[in-house]
Amino acid sequence: QMLVQLLLSRGLAIDNPGKAELYLKTINYYRLSAYMYPLLLVPKSEHQFKTDASFRQVMMLYRFDKKLRLFMFNEIEKIEIAVRTAIVDGVHQRFLAAFPLVDPAPMGFPEGWENEELWEIG
């Protein structure tokens, strides 16, 4: 409740102080303060908010950043998988014979070794 009062005293409009307090506790004031920074008057060191600044805007910026971050990590994951696949394919093609577990021929397996009938227990 002290943080809500502090923000109100600095000029931040808060429609629902109870909800704001909950967000400040669960998300953390210091994490949300990064989203408050663009709403501060110059000089920022005085910690006074612009006249139209609201806690709702802070939360909108926070949610936008969260969605953007999730979207970016999803797209980065696709790139990562494609790069890994290209590396594995390249290594596989270049060094196929060097890895007997990948290519069974150097191990002396008979032709058709992968046939399930060879593995049946009598």
Protein backbone atom coordinates (compact mmCIF):
# COMPACT_ATOMS: atom_id res chain seq x y z
CA GLN A 1 0.00 0.00 0.00
CA MET A 2 2.95 2.30 0.63
CA LEU A 3 4.10 1.90 -2.99
CA VAL A 4 0.65 2.77 -4.30
CA GLN A 5 0.63 5.91 -2.15
CA LEU A 6 4.14 6.80 -3.33
CA LEU A 7 3.12 6.46 -6.99
CA LEU A 8 -0.02 8.52 -6.40
CA SER A 9 2.04 11.24 -4.68
CA ARG A 10 4.32 11.33 -7.73
CA GLY A 11 1.37 11.97 -10.05
CA LEU A 12 0.59 8.50 -11.43
CA ALA A 13 -3.17 8.00 -11.89
CA ILE A 14 -4.35 4.71 -10.40
CA ASP A 15 -7.97 3.68 -11.06
CA ASN A 16 -7.94 0.63 -8.80
CA PRO A 17 -5.42 0.91 -5.93
CA GLY A 18 -6.18 -2.63 -4.69
CA LYS A 19 -5.41 -4.15 -8.08
CA ALA A 20 -2.32 -1.97 -8.45
CA GLU A 21 -1.08 -3.15 -5.06
CA LEU A 22 -1.58 -6.77 -6.12
CA TYR A 23 0.38 -6.22 -9.35
CA LEU A 24 3.16 -4.44 -7.47
CA LYS A 25 3.43 -7.39 -5.08
CA THR A 26 3.22 -10.19 -7.65
CA ILE A 27 5.15 -8.67 -10.56
CA ASN A 28 7.44 -6.56 -8.36
CA TYR A 29 7.82 -2.80 -8.22
CA TYR A 30 11.35 -2.86 -9.64
CA ARG A 31 10.31 -4.87 -12.68
CA LEU A 32 7.38 -2.54 -13.34
CA SER A 33 9.51 0.57 -12.79
CA ALA A 34 11.14 -0.01 -16.19
CA TYR A 35 7.72 0.43 -17.77
CA MET A 36 7.08 3.55 -15.70
CA TYR A 37 10.25 5.26 -16.94
CA PRO A 38 8.82 6.55 -20.26
CA LEU A 39 5.94 8.11 -18.32
CA LEU A 40 8.21 10.26 -16.14
CA LEU A 41 8.72 13.99 -16.65
CA VAL A 42 12.16 15.34 -17.53
CA PRO A 43 14.36 15.41 -15.51
CA LYS A 44 13.60 11.76 -14.74
CA SER A 45 15.63 11.90 -11.53
CA GLU A 46 12.79 13.84 -9.85
CA HIS A 47 10.46 10.81 -10.28
CA GLN A 48 7.42 12.90 -11.23
CA PHE A 49 4.95 11.49 -13.75
CA LYS A 50 3.50 13.27 -16.78
CA THR A 51 -0.01 14.60 -16.26
CA ASP A 52 -1.68 11.89 -18.39
CA ALA A 53 0.37 8.96 -16.98
CA SER A 54 -1.58 6.10 -15.49
CA PHE A 55 -0.94 2.69 -13.95
CA ARG A 56 -3.08 1.27 -16.75
CA GLN A 57 -0.45 2.49 -19.25
CA VAL A 58 2.29 0.86 -17.18
CA MET A 59 0.45 -2.47 -17.32
CA MET A 60 -0.23 -2.10 -21.05
CA LEU A 61 3.50 -1.62 -21.69
CA TYR A 62 4.29 -4.59 -19.44
CA ARG A 63 1.82 -6.87 -21.26
CA PHE A 64 3.02 -5.72 -24.69
CA ASP A 65 6.62 -6.44 -23.72
CA LYS A 66 5.65 -9.87 -22.39
CA LYS A 67 3.81 -10.80 -25.60
CA LEU A 68 6.67 -9.48 -27.75
CA ARG A 69 9.23 -11.45 -25.72
CA LEU A 70 7.21 -14.69 -26.04
CA PHE A 71 6.77 -14.14 -29.77
CA MET A 72 10.48 -13.47 -30.27
CA PHE A 73 11.57 -16.53 -28.29
CA ASN A 74 9.16 -18.67 -30.30
CA GLU A 75 10.66 -17.41 -33.56
CA ILE A 76 14.22 -17.73 -32.25
CA GLU A 77 13.48 -21.34 -31.33
CA LYS A 78 12.52 -22.07 -34.95
CA ILE A 79 15.79 -20.59 -36.17
CA GLU A 80 17.75 -22.52 -33.54
CA ILE A 81 16.18 -25.83 -34.60
CA ALA A 82 16.83 -25.11 -38.28
CA VAL A 83 20.50 -24.28 -37.58
CA ARG A 84 20.95 -27.39 -35.42
CA THR A 85 19.37 -29.54 -38.12
CA ALA A 86 21.65 -28.05 -40.79
CA ILE A 87 24.71 -28.71 -38.62
CA VAL A 88 23.71 -32.29 -37.85
CA ASP A 89 22.92 -32.98 -41.52
CA GLY A 90 26.26 -31.50 -42.59
CA VAL A 91 28.21 -33.51 -40.02
CA HIS A 92 26.29 -36.65 -40.90
CA GLN A 93 27.04 -36.31 -44.63
CA ARG A 94 30.70 -35.40 -44.11
CA PHE A 95 31.60 -37.98 -41.48
CA LEU A 96 29.08 -40.78 -42.06
CA ALA A 97 31.69 -43.56 -42.17
CA ALA A 98 33.45 -42.25 -39.06
CA PHE A 99 30.46 -43.03 -36.88
CA PRO A 100 29.71 -46.76 -36.94
CA LEU A 101 26.56 -46.27 -34.88
CA VAL A 102 25.19 -44.11 -37.66
CA ASP A 103 26.36 -46.32 -40.54
CA PRO A 104 26.16 -50.04 -39.66
CA ALA A 105 28.23 -51.24 -42.67
CA PRO A 106 31.68 -50.80 -41.03
CA MET A 107 30.50 -52.87 -38.06
CA GLY A 108 30.07 -55.94 -40.26
CA PHE A 109 26.31 -56.26 -39.89
CA PRO A 110 24.82 -58.54 -42.54
CA GLU A 111 22.74 -56.97 -45.26
CA GLY A 112 19.14 -56.65 -44.16
CA TRP A 113 20.19 -56.42 -40.48
CA GLU A 114 17.33 -54.04 -39.79
CA ASN A 115 14.82 -56.73 -40.81
CA GLU A 116 12.67 -57.54 -37.79
CA GLU A 117 12.79 -61.30 -38.50
CA LEU A 118 16.49 -61.39 -37.64
CA TRP A 119 15.72 -60.14 -34.16
CA GLU A 120 12.98 -62.63 -33.28
CA ILE A 121 13.79 -64.86 -30.35
CA GLY A 122 13.06 -68.49 -31.19
